[in-house]
Amino acid sequence: MAEDESFLNAKALVVDNGTGISKNGFAGEDQPRSVFPTLIGYPKYESIMTDVEHYTREYYIGEEAMQLKGVLKLMFPVEHGIIEDWTAMEKIWHYTFYTDLRIDPSEHPVLLTEAPLNPRPNREKMAEIMFETFNTPA
């Protein structure tokens, strides 16, 4: 089998980024491996965040962002099932793949859920990010 076709035997990753909750896992499994709030938090006050060694990151995602909501500006990149903030969504996908699931997305086909009335340009943008940023095979 050619090296570029190795993904044919890999489990497909299912990514469901809802307005409030993201659910992620592999096709055929009974339940998602990962469930967390679809939100990202940016420090409100940089001077406060840099005083504590643990809180020196540019942004926080999911449960961690919820726990730090007092010092973060929380943003929900998905509204009514439609992605509105692509930069934030890309960061959430990066977190999903590399931190939460600890997988290499270039080794798995990815299935993305979408709202029924998701505009075609959004669908194309989702595919573009998956292929060009995360190098997903399908």
Protein backbone atom coordinates (compact mmCIF):
# COMPACT_ATOMS: atom_id res chain seq x y z
CA MET A 1 0.00 0.00 0.00
CA ALA A 2 1.32 3.44 -0.86
CA GLU A 3 2.42 5.59 2.07
CA ASP A 4 -0.11 8.32 1.26
CA GLU A 5 -2.97 5.79 1.49
CA SER A 6 -2.17 4.59 5.02
CA PHE A 7 -5.09 6.65 6.37
CA LEU A 8 -7.51 4.19 4.73
CA ASN A 9 -7.06 1.85 7.72
CA ALA A 10 -7.14 4.64 10.33
CA LYS A 11 -10.22 5.32 12.42
CA ALA A 12 -12.14 8.39 11.32
CA LEU A 13 -12.21 11.22 13.82
CA VAL A 14 -15.63 12.79 14.43
CA VAL A 15 -15.59 16.46 15.47
CA ASP A 16 -18.85 18.04 16.64
CA ASN A 17 -18.30 21.67 17.64
CA GLY A 18 -21.63 22.87 18.90
CA THR A 19 -22.57 26.34 20.07
CA GLY A 20 -21.99 25.37 23.70
CA ILE A 21 -20.25 21.99 23.80
CA SER A 22 -17.64 20.26 21.64
CA LYS A 23 -17.82 16.49 21.39
CA ASN A 24 -14.95 14.63 19.74
CA GLY A 25 -14.03 11.01 19.27
CA PHE A 26 -13.65 8.20 16.79
CA ALA A 27 -16.31 6.76 14.50
CA GLY A 28 -17.69 3.46 15.76
CA GLU A 29 -17.09 4.17 19.43
CA ASP A 30 -20.06 4.32 21.81
CA GLN A 31 -19.36 7.81 23.13
CA PRO A 32 -17.08 10.78 22.54
CA ARG A 33 -13.60 10.65 24.04
CA SER A 34 -13.62 14.37 24.62
CA VAL A 35 -16.39 16.73 25.74
CA PHE A 36 -15.69 20.34 26.69
CA PRO A 37 -17.24 23.82 26.36
CA THR A 38 -16.73 25.36 22.91
CA LEU A 39 -15.13 28.52 24.20
CA ILE A 40 -11.83 30.31 24.31
CA GLY A 41 -10.64 32.81 26.88
CA TYR A 42 -8.09 35.58 26.45
CA PRO A 43 -6.49 37.37 29.43
CA LYS A 44 -8.36 40.55 30.37
CA TYR A 45 -5.41 42.01 32.23
CA GLU A 46 -2.01 40.91 31.04
CA SER A 47 -0.21 42.18 34.16
CA ILE A 48 -2.29 39.91 36.42
CA MET A 49 -1.82 36.88 34.20
CA THR A 50 1.96 37.21 33.94
CA ASP A 51 2.37 37.45 37.73
CA VAL A 52 1.50 33.79 38.13
CA GLU A 53 3.74 31.32 36.31
CA HIS A 54 0.88 28.96 35.40
CA TYR A 55 -1.14 31.72 33.73
CA THR A 56 1.22 32.96 31.06
CA ARG A 57 -0.48 31.60 27.97
CA GLU A 58 -2.04 33.66 25.20
CA TYR A 59 -5.39 31.85 25.53
CA TYR A 60 -7.23 29.08 27.40
CA ILE A 61 -9.82 26.64 26.04
CA GLY A 62 -12.80 24.73 27.40
CA GLU A 63 -13.00 23.83 31.09
CA GLU A 64 -9.73 25.60 31.87
CA ALA A 65 -11.14 28.84 30.44
CA MET A 66 -14.32 28.38 32.50
CA GLN A 67 -12.26 27.96 35.68
CA LEU A 68 -10.40 31.21 34.95
CA LYS A 69 -13.44 33.19 33.78
CA GLY A 70 -12.82 35.95 36.31
CA VAL A 71 -9.57 36.98 34.65
CA LEU A 72 -10.40 36.01 31.06
CA LYS A 73 -12.54 37.51 28.33
CA LEU A 74 -14.57 34.49 27.20
CA MET A 75 -15.58 34.11 23.57
CA PHE A 76 -17.80 31.53 21.93
CA PRO A 77 -16.66 31.12 18.30
CA VAL A 78 -19.79 29.15 17.29
CA GLU A 79 -23.16 30.93 17.28
CA HIS A 80 -26.37 29.07 16.45
CA GLY A 81 -24.24 26.23 15.08
CA ILE A 82 -22.34 28.51 12.67
CA ILE A 83 -18.64 29.32 13.12
CA GLU A 84 -18.27 33.09 13.48
CA ASP A 85 -14.64 33.40 14.68
CA TRP A 86 -12.33 31.30 12.50
CA THR A 87 -9.12 32.17 14.35
CA ALA A 88 -10.58 31.03 17.66
CA MET A 89 -12.09 27.92 16.08
CA GLU A 90 -8.74 26.94 14.60
CA LYS A 91 -7.19 27.23 18.08
CA ILE A 92 -9.95 25.03 19.49
CA TRP A 93 -9.36 22.42 16.79
CA HIS A 94 -5.61 22.52 17.54
CA TYR A 95 -6.38 21.98 21.23
CA THR A 96 -8.80 19.16 20.36
CA PHE A 97 -6.30 17.24 18.26
CA TYR A 98 -2.97 17.79 19.96
CA THR A 99 -3.83 18.43 23.63
CA ASP A 100 -7.17 16.82 24.40
CA LEU A 101 -7.16 13.75 22.13
CA ARG A 102 -3.37 13.64 21.69
CA ILE A 103 -3.55 12.52 18.08
CA ASP A 104 -1.97 13.62 14.83
CA PRO A 105 -4.83 14.75 12.56
CA SER A 106 -2.72 14.04 9.48
CA GLU A 107 -3.10 10.32 10.29
CA HIS A 108 -6.92 10.28 10.47
CA PRO A 109 -9.79 11.17 8.17
CA VAL A 110 -11.92 13.84 9.88
CA LEU A 111 -15.71 14.12 9.84
CA LEU A 112 -16.99 17.55 10.86
CA THR A 113 -20.59 18.10 11.87
CA GLU A 114 -22.32 21.28 10.79
CA ALA A 115 -25.60 23.10 11.24
CA PRO A 116 -28.28 22.33 8.63
CA LEU A 117 -28.24 25.91 7.32
CA ASN A 118 -24.45 26.30 7.41
CA PRO A 119 -23.52 28.55 4.45
CA ARG A 120 -21.48 26.94 1.68
CA PRO A 121 -18.50 29.34 2.19
CA ASN A 122 -18.30 28.17 5.83
CA ARG A 123 -18.26 24.54 4.75
CA GLU A 124 -15.47 25.32 2.29
CA LYS A 125 -13.51 27.21 4.96
CA MET A 126 -13.80 24.25 7.36
CA ALA A 127 -12.44 21.90 4.71
CA GLU A 128 -9.67 24.33 3.79
CA ILE A 129 -8.48 24.57 7.40
CA MET A 130 -8.60 20.80 7.90
CA PHE A 131 -6.61 20.11 4.73
CA GLU A 132 -4.17 23.02 4.73
CA THR A 133 -3.56 23.64 8.44
CA PHE A 134 -3.98 20.18 9.93
CA ASN A 135 -3.06 18.14 6.81
CA THR A 136 -5.96 15.75 7.25
CA PRO A 137 -6.04 13.07 4.55
CA ALA A 138 -9.82 13.16 4.08
